[in-house]
Amino acid sequence: MEIGIIGIVIAVVSGLASFALGRWLSGRRRQKKAQQARAAAEAGQSRQVRRARERRQKR
Protein backbone atom coordinates (compact mmCIF):
# COMPACT_ATOMS: atom_id res chain seq x y z
CA MET A 1 0.00 0.00 0.00
CA GLU A 2 1.52 3.23 -1.11
CA ILE A 3 0.88 6.55 0.59
CA GLY A 4 -0.02 9.01 -2.10
CA ILE A 5 0.72 12.69 -2.34
CA ILE A 6 -2.75 13.44 -0.95
CA GLY A 7 -2.00 11.39 2.17
CA ILE A 8 1.24 13.26 2.73
CA VAL A 9 -0.50 16.63 2.30
CA ILE A 10 -3.25 15.62 4.74
CA ALA A 11 -0.65 14.46 7.29
CA VAL A 12 1.32 17.71 7.01
CA VAL A 13 -1.79 19.91 7.26
CA SER A 14 -3.14 17.98 10.25
CA GLY A 15 0.26 18.14 11.94
CA LEU A 16 0.48 21.89 11.48
CA ALA A 17 -3.09 22.34 12.73
CA SER A 18 -2.32 20.24 15.81
CA PHE A 19 0.83 22.26 16.49
CA ALA A 20 -1.02 25.58 16.16
CA LEU A 21 -3.87 24.43 18.41
CA GLY A 22 -1.43 23.21 21.05
CA ARG A 23 0.45 26.52 21.05
CA TRP A 24 -2.79 28.49 21.33
CA LEU A 25 -4.14 26.41 24.21
CA SER A 26 -0.87 26.38 26.13
CA GLY A 27 -0.57 30.16 25.69
CA ARG A 28 -3.97 30.67 27.28
CA ARG A 29 -3.03 28.36 30.16
CA ARG A 30 0.30 30.16 30.72
CA GLN A 31 -1.43 33.54 30.68
CA LYS A 32 -4.01 32.40 33.24
CA LYS A 33 -1.31 30.94 35.51
CA ALA A 34 0.74 34.16 35.31
CA GLN A 35 -2.32 36.22 36.17
CA GLN A 36 -2.99 34.04 39.23
CA ALA A 37 0.63 34.35 40.35
CA ARG A 38 0.50 38.13 39.93
CA ALA A 39 -2.72 38.31 41.97
CA ALA A 40 -1.18 36.19 44.73
CA ALA A 41 1.92 38.40 44.81
CA GLU A 42 -0.18 41.55 44.98
CA ALA A 43 -2.28 40.08 47.81
CA GLY A 44 0.83 39.72 49.93
CA GLN A 45 1.97 43.31 49.45
CA SER A 46 1.81 45.88 52.18
CA ARG A 47 -0.59 48.79 51.94
CA GLN A 48 2.25 51.20 51.19
CA VAL A 49 3.57 49.08 48.31
CA ARG A 50 0.06 48.59 46.92
CA ARG A 51 -0.67 52.33 46.93
CA ALA A 52 2.67 53.11 45.28
CA ARG A 53 1.89 50.61 42.51
CA GLU A 54 -1.57 52.10 42.03
CA ARG A 55 -0.08 55.58 41.71
CA ARG A 56 2.40 54.34 39.08
CA GLN A 57 -0.42 52.72 37.11
CA LYS A 58 -2.45 55.95 37.01
CA ARG A 59 0.33 57.75 35.11
PDB file of N, CA and C in Angstrom:
ATOM      1  N   MET A   1       0.838  -1.177   0.000  1.00  0.00           N
ATOM      2  CA  MET A   1       0.000   0.000   0.000  1.00  0.00           C
ATOM      3  C   MET A   1       0.883   1.241   0.000  1.00  0.00           C
ATOM      4  N   GLU A   2       0.678   2.051  -0.966  1.00  0.00           N
ATOM      5  CA  GLU A   2       1.520   3.227  -1.106  1.00  0.00           C
ATOM      6  C   GLU A   2       0.780   4.476  -0.619  1.00  0.00           C
ATOM      7  N   ILE A   3       1.471   5.292   0.125  1.00  0.00           N
ATOM      8  CA  ILE A   3       0.884   6.554   0.590  1.00  0.00           C
ATOM      9  C   ILE A   3       1.053   7.557  -0.547  1.00  0.00           C
ATOM     10  N   GLY A   4      -0.063   8.068  -0.991  1.00  0.00           N
ATOM     11  CA  GLY A   4      -0.019   9.008  -2.099  1.00  0.00           C
ATOM     12  C   GLY A   4       0.311  10.409  -1.647  1.00  0.00           C
ATOM     13  N   ILE A   5       0.410  11.286  -2.613  1.00  0.00           N
ATOM     14  CA  ILE A   5       0.718  12.694  -2.342  1.00  0.00           C
ATOM     15  C   ILE A   5      -0.390  13.337  -1.513  1.00  0.00           C
ATOM     16  N   ILE A   6      -1.629  12.887  -1.724  1.00  0.00           N
ATOM     17  CA  ILE A   6      -2.750  13.439  -0.954  1.00  0.00           C
ATOM     18  C   ILE A   6      -2.618  13.050   0.519  1.00  0.00           C
ATOM     19  N   GLY A   7      -2.201  11.836   0.796  1.00  0.00           N
ATOM     20  CA  GLY A   7      -2.002  11.394   2.175  1.00  0.00           C
ATOM     21  C   GLY A   7      -0.918  12.184   2.878  1.00  0.00           C
ATOM     22  N   ILE A   8       0.149  12.474   2.165  1.00  0.00           N
ATOM     23  CA  ILE A   8       1.243  13.265   2.735  1.00  0.00           C
ATOM     24  C   ILE A   8       0.772  14.684   3.028  1.00  0.00           C
ATOM     25  N   VAL A   9       0.019  15.272   2.100  1.00  0.00           N
ATOM     26  CA  VAL A   9      -0.496  16.634   2.300  1.00  0.00           C
ATOM     27  C   VAL A   9      -1.435  16.665   3.501  1.00  0.00           C
ATOM     28  N   ILE A  10      -2.320  15.668   3.604  1.00  0.00           N
ATOM     29  CA  ILE A  10      -3.250  15.620   4.738  1.00  0.00           C
ATOM     30  C   ILE A  10      -2.478  15.475   6.055  1.00  0.00           C
ATOM     31  N   ALA A  11      -1.452  14.644   6.073  1.00  0.00           N
ATOM     32  CA  ALA A  11      -0.652  14.462   7.287  1.00  0.00           C
ATOM     33  C   ALA A  11       0.060  15.754   7.683  1.00  0.00           C
ATOM     34  N   VAL A  12       0.613  16.460   6.707  1.00  0.00           N
ATOM     35  CA  VAL A  12       1.321  17.711   7.005  1.00  0.00           C
ATOM     36  C   VAL A  12       0.348  18.766   7.513  1.00  0.00           C
ATOM     37  N   VAL A  13      -0.800  18.903   6.854  1.00  0.00           N
ATOM     38  CA  VAL A  13      -1.787  19.906   7.259  1.00  0.00           C
ATOM     39  C   VAL A  13      -2.322  19.601   8.661  1.00  0.00           C
ATOM     40  N   SER A  14      -2.628  18.323   8.918  1.00  0.00           N
ATOM     41  CA  SER A  14      -3.140  17.984  10.249  1.00  0.00           C
ATOM     42  C   SER A  14      -2.062  18.165  11.317  1.00  0.00           C
ATOM     43  N   GLY A  15      -0.828  17.908  10.999  1.00  0.00           N
ATOM     44  CA  GLY A  15       0.263  18.138  11.942  1.00  0.00           C
ATOM     45  C   GLY A  15       0.433  19.608  12.275  1.00  0.00           C
ATOM     46  N   LEU A  16       0.369  20.443  11.246  1.00  0.00           N
ATOM     47  CA  LEU A  16       0.485  21.888  11.480  1.00  0.00           C
ATOM     48  C   LEU A  16      -0.701  22.421  12.284  1.00  0.00           C
ATOM     49  N   ALA A  17      -1.900  21.917  11.981  1.00  0.00           N
ATOM     50  CA  ALA A  17      -3.086  22.343  12.729  1.00  0.00           C
ATOM     51  C   ALA A  17      -2.983  21.920  14.187  1.00  0.00           C
ATOM     52  N   SER A  18      -2.497  20.724  14.442  1.00  0.00           N
ATOM     53  CA  SER A  18      -2.316  20.238  15.808  1.00  0.00           C
ATOM     54  C   SER A  18      -1.293  21.084  16.551  1.00  0.00           C
ATOM     55  N   PHE A  19      -0.205  21.414  15.894  1.00  0.00           N
ATOM     56  CA  PHE A  19       0.830  22.260  16.495  1.00  0.00           C
ATOM     57  C   PHE A  19       0.266  23.631  16.857  1.00  0.00           C
ATOM     58  N   ALA A  20      -0.468  24.252  15.922  1.00  0.00           N
ATOM     59  CA  ALA A  20      -1.024  25.580  16.160  1.00  0.00           C
ATOM     60  C   ALA A  20      -2.040  25.556  17.302  1.00  0.00           C
ATOM     61  N   LEU A  21      -2.885  24.543  17.342  1.00  0.00           N
ATOM     62  CA  LEU A  21      -3.874  24.432  18.408  1.00  0.00           C
ATOM     63  C   LEU A  21      -3.190  24.235  19.763  1.00  0.00           C
ATOM     64  N   GLY A  22      -2.167  23.430  19.807  1.00  0.00           N
ATOM     65  CA  GLY A  22      -1.426  23.215  21.050  1.00  0.00           C
ATOM     66  C   GLY A  22      -0.773  24.490  21.555  1.00  0.00           C
ATOM     67  N   ARG A  23      -0.167  25.242  20.659  1.00  0.00           N
ATOM     68  CA  ARG A  23       0.451  26.517  21.053  1.00  0.00           C
ATOM     69  C   ARG A  23      -0.587  27.492  21.589  1.00  0.00           C
ATOM     70  N   TRP A  24      -1.729  27.566  20.923  1.00  0.00           N
ATOM     71  CA  TRP A  24      -2.787  28.493  21.327  1.00  0.00           C
ATOM     72  C   TRP A  24      -3.319  28.121  22.709  1.00  0.00           C
ATOM     73  N   LEU A  25      -3.595  26.844  22.926  1.00  0.00           N
ATOM     74  CA  LEU A  25      -4.144  26.412  24.209  1.00  0.00           C
ATOM     75  C   LEU A  25      -3.125  26.564  25.335  1.00  0.00           C
ATOM     76  N   SER A  26      -1.875  26.248  25.083  1.00  0.00           N
ATOM     77  CA  SER A  26      -0.868  26.383  26.134  1.00  0.00           C
ATOM     78  C   SER A  26      -0.611  27.856  26.442  1.00  0.00           C
ATOM     79  N   GLY A  27      -0.730  28.714  25.451  1.00  0.00           N
ATOM     80  CA  GLY A  27      -0.575  30.155  25.689  1.00  0.00           C
ATOM     81  C   GLY A  27      -1.648  30.690  26.608  1.00  0.00           C
ATOM     82  N   ARG A  28      -2.868  30.243  26.399  1.00  0.00           N
ATOM     83  CA  ARG A  28      -3.966  30.671  27.285  1.00  0.00           C
ATOM     84  C   ARG A  28      -3.736  30.179  28.709  1.00  0.00           C
ATOM     85  N   ARG A  29      -3.270  28.938  28.836  1.00  0.00           N
ATOM     86  CA  ARG A  29      -3.030  28.364  30.162  1.00  0.00           C
ATOM     87  C   ARG A  29      -1.890  29.112  30.871  1.00  0.00           C
ATOM     88  N   ARG A  30      -0.814  29.411  30.123  1.00  0.00           N
ATOM     89  CA  ARG A  30       0.299  30.163  30.722  1.00  0.00           C
ATOM     90  C   ARG A  30      -0.135  31.544  31.161  1.00  0.00           C
ATOM     91  N   GLN A  31      -0.960  32.206  30.347  1.00  0.00           N
ATOM     92  CA  GLN A  31      -1.432  33.539  30.683  1.00  0.00           C
ATOM     93  C   GLN A  31      -2.289  33.509  31.948  1.00  0.00           C
ATOM     94  N   LYS A  32      -3.152  32.525  32.056  1.00  0.00           N
ATOM     95  CA  LYS A  32      -4.008  32.402  33.237  1.00  0.00           C
ATOM     96  C   LYS A  32      -3.177  32.130  34.485  1.00  0.00           C
ATOM     97  N   LYS A  33      -2.169  31.265  34.366  1.00  0.00           N
ATOM     98  CA  LYS A  33      -1.311  30.943  35.510  1.00  0.00           C
ATOM     99  C   LYS A  33      -0.503  32.168  35.937  1.00  0.00           C
ATOM    100  N   ALA A  34      -0.016  32.949  34.982  1.00  0.00           N
ATOM    101  CA  ALA A  34       0.744  34.164  35.307  1.00  0.00           C
ATOM    102  C   ALA A  34      -0.144  35.182  35.999  1.00  0.00           C
ATOM    103  N   GLN A  35      -1.387  35.276  35.561  1.00  0.00           N
ATOM    104  CA  GLN A  35      -2.319  36.219  36.175  1.00  0.00           C
ATOM    105  C   GLN A  35      -2.610  35.812  37.624  1.00  0.00           C
ATOM    106  N   GLN A  36      -2.764  34.515  37.870  1.00  0.00           N
ATOM    107  CA  GLN A  36      -2.995  34.043  39.235  1.00  0.00           C
ATOM    108  C   GLN A  36      -1.781  34.307  40.117  1.00  0.00           C
ATOM    109  N   ALA A  37      -0.593  34.101  39.589  1.00  0.00           N
ATOM    110  CA  ALA A  37       0.630  34.352  40.355  1.00  0.00           C
ATOM    111  C   ALA A  37       0.771  35.835  40.676  1.00  0.00           C
ATOM    112  N   ARG A  38       0.435  36.684  39.709  1.00  0.00           N
ATOM    113  CA  ARG A  38       0.500  38.129  39.932  1.00  0.00           C
ATOM    114  C   ARG A  38      -0.502  38.551  41.010  1.00  0.00           C
ATOM    115  N   ALA A  39      -1.709  37.988  40.971  1.00  0.00           N
ATOM    116  CA  ALA A  39      -2.723  38.313  41.970  1.00  0.00           C
ATOM    117  C   ALA A  39      -2.279  37.851  43.357  1.00  0.00           C
ATOM    118  N   ALA A  40      -1.658  36.692  43.441  1.00  0.00           N
ATOM    119  CA  ALA A  40      -1.176  36.190  44.726  1.00  0.00           C
ATOM    120  C   ALA A  40      -0.054  37.078  45.265  1.00  0.00           C
ATOM    121  N   ALA A  41       0.824  37.527  44.388  1.00  0.00           N
ATOM    122  CA  ALA A  41       1.921  38.397  44.814  1.00  0.00           C
ATOM    123  C   ALA A  41       1.383  39.741  45.291  1.00  0.00           C
ATOM    124  N   GLU A  42       0.403  40.271  44.585  1.00  0.00           N
ATOM    125  CA  GLU A  42      -0.185  41.550  44.983  1.00  0.00           C
ATOM    126  C   GLU A  42      -0.949  41.425  46.297  1.00  0.00           C
ATOM    127  N   ALA A  43      -1.538  40.277  46.565  1.00  0.00           N
ATOM    128  CA  ALA A  43      -2.284  40.081  47.810  1.00  0.00           C
ATOM    129  C   ALA A  43      -1.353  40.114  49.020  1.00  0.00           C
ATOM    130  N   GLY A  44      -0.115  39.728  48.819  1.00  0.00           N
ATOM    131  CA  GLY A  44       0.833  39.721  49.927  1.00  0.00           C
ATOM    132  C   GLY A  44       1.559  41.041  50.133  1.00  0.00           C
ATOM    133  N   GLN A  45       1.272  42.028  49.335  1.00  0.00           N
ATOM    134  CA  GLN A  45       1.970  43.308  49.445  1.00  0.00           C
ATOM    135  C   GLN A  45       1.409  44.144  50.590  1.00  0.00           C
ATOM    136  N   SER A  46       2.259  44.981  51.124  1.00  0.00           N
ATOM    137  CA  SER A  46       1.813  45.878  52.178  1.00  0.00           C
ATOM    138  C   SER A  46       0.972  47.001  51.562  1.00  0.00           C
ATOM    139  N   ARG A  47       0.272  47.693  52.407  1.00  0.00           N
ATOM    140  CA  ARG A  47      -0.589  48.792  51.943  1.00  0.00           C
ATOM    141  C   ARG A  47       0.228  49.876  51.232  1.00  0.00           C
ATOM    142  N   GLN A  48       1.402  50.170  51.776  1.00  0.00           N
ATOM    143  CA  GLN A  48       2.249  51.204  51.187  1.00  0.00           C
ATOM    144  C   GLN A  48       2.707  50.798  49.783  1.00  0.00           C
ATOM    145  N   VAL A  49       3.112  49.568  49.615  1.00  0.00           N
ATOM    146  CA  VAL A  49       3.566  49.078  48.309  1.00  0.00           C
ATOM    147  C   VAL A  49       2.402  49.075  47.320  1.00  0.00           C
ATOM    148  N   ARG A  50       1.236  48.642  47.783  1.00  0.00           N
ATOM    149  CA  ARG A  50       0.063  48.588  46.921  1.00  0.00           C
ATOM    150  C   ARG A  50      -0.329  49.985  46.438  1.00  0.00           C
ATOM    151  N   ARG A  51      -0.310  50.948  47.334  1.00  0.00           N
ATOM    152  CA  ARG A  51      -0.666  52.327  46.931  1.00  0.00           C
ATOM    153  C   ARG A  51       0.359  52.926  45.980  1.00  0.00           C
ATOM    154  N   ALA A  52       1.629  52.626  46.192  1.00  0.00           N
ATOM    155  CA  ALA A  52       2.669  53.113  45.276  1.00  0.00           C
ATOM    156  C   ALA A  52       2.472  52.529  43.881  1.00  0.00           C
ATOM    157  N   ARG A  53       2.143  51.238  43.815  1.00  0.00           N
ATOM    158  CA  ARG A  53       1.892  50.606  42.511  1.00  0.00           C
ATOM    159  C   ARG A  53       0.671  51.218  41.833  1.00  0.00           C
ATOM    160  N   GLU A  54      -0.374  51.481  42.599  1.00  0.00           N
ATOM    161  CA  GLU A  54      -1.575  52.098  42.029  1.00  0.00           C
ATOM    162  C   GLU A  54      -1.294  53.495  41.496  1.00  0.00           C
ATOM    163  N   ARG A  55      -0.434  54.243  42.204  1.00  0.00           N
ATOM    164  CA  ARG A  55      -0.075  55.582  41.714  1.00  0.00           C
ATOM    165  C   ARG A  55       0.702  55.492  40.397  1.00  0.00           C
ATOM    166  N   ARG A  56       1.630  54.515  40.322  1.00  0.00           N
ATOM    167  CA  ARG A  56       2.396  54.344  39.080  1.00  0.00           C
ATOM    168  C   ARG A  56       1.484  53.954  37.914  1.00  0.00           C
ATOM    169  N   GLN A  57       0.482  53.163  38.176  1.00  0.00           N
ATOM    170  CA  GLN A  57      -0.417  52.718  37.110  1.00  0.00           C
ATOM    171  C   GLN A  57      -1.312  53.851  36.606  1.00  0.00           C
ATOM    172  N   LYS A  58      -1.604  54.830  37.437  1.00  0.00           N
ATOM    173  CA  LYS A  58      -2.450  55.947  37.008  1.00  0.00           C
ATOM    174  C   LYS A  58      -1.755  56.837  35.995  1.00  0.00           C
ATOM    175  N   ARG A  59      -0.426  56.872  36.018  1.00  0.00           N
ATOM    176  CA  ARG A  59       0.327  57.749  35.111  1.00  0.00           C
ATOM    177  C   ARG A  59       0.279  57.282  33.705  1.00  0.00           C
TER     178      ARG A  59
END
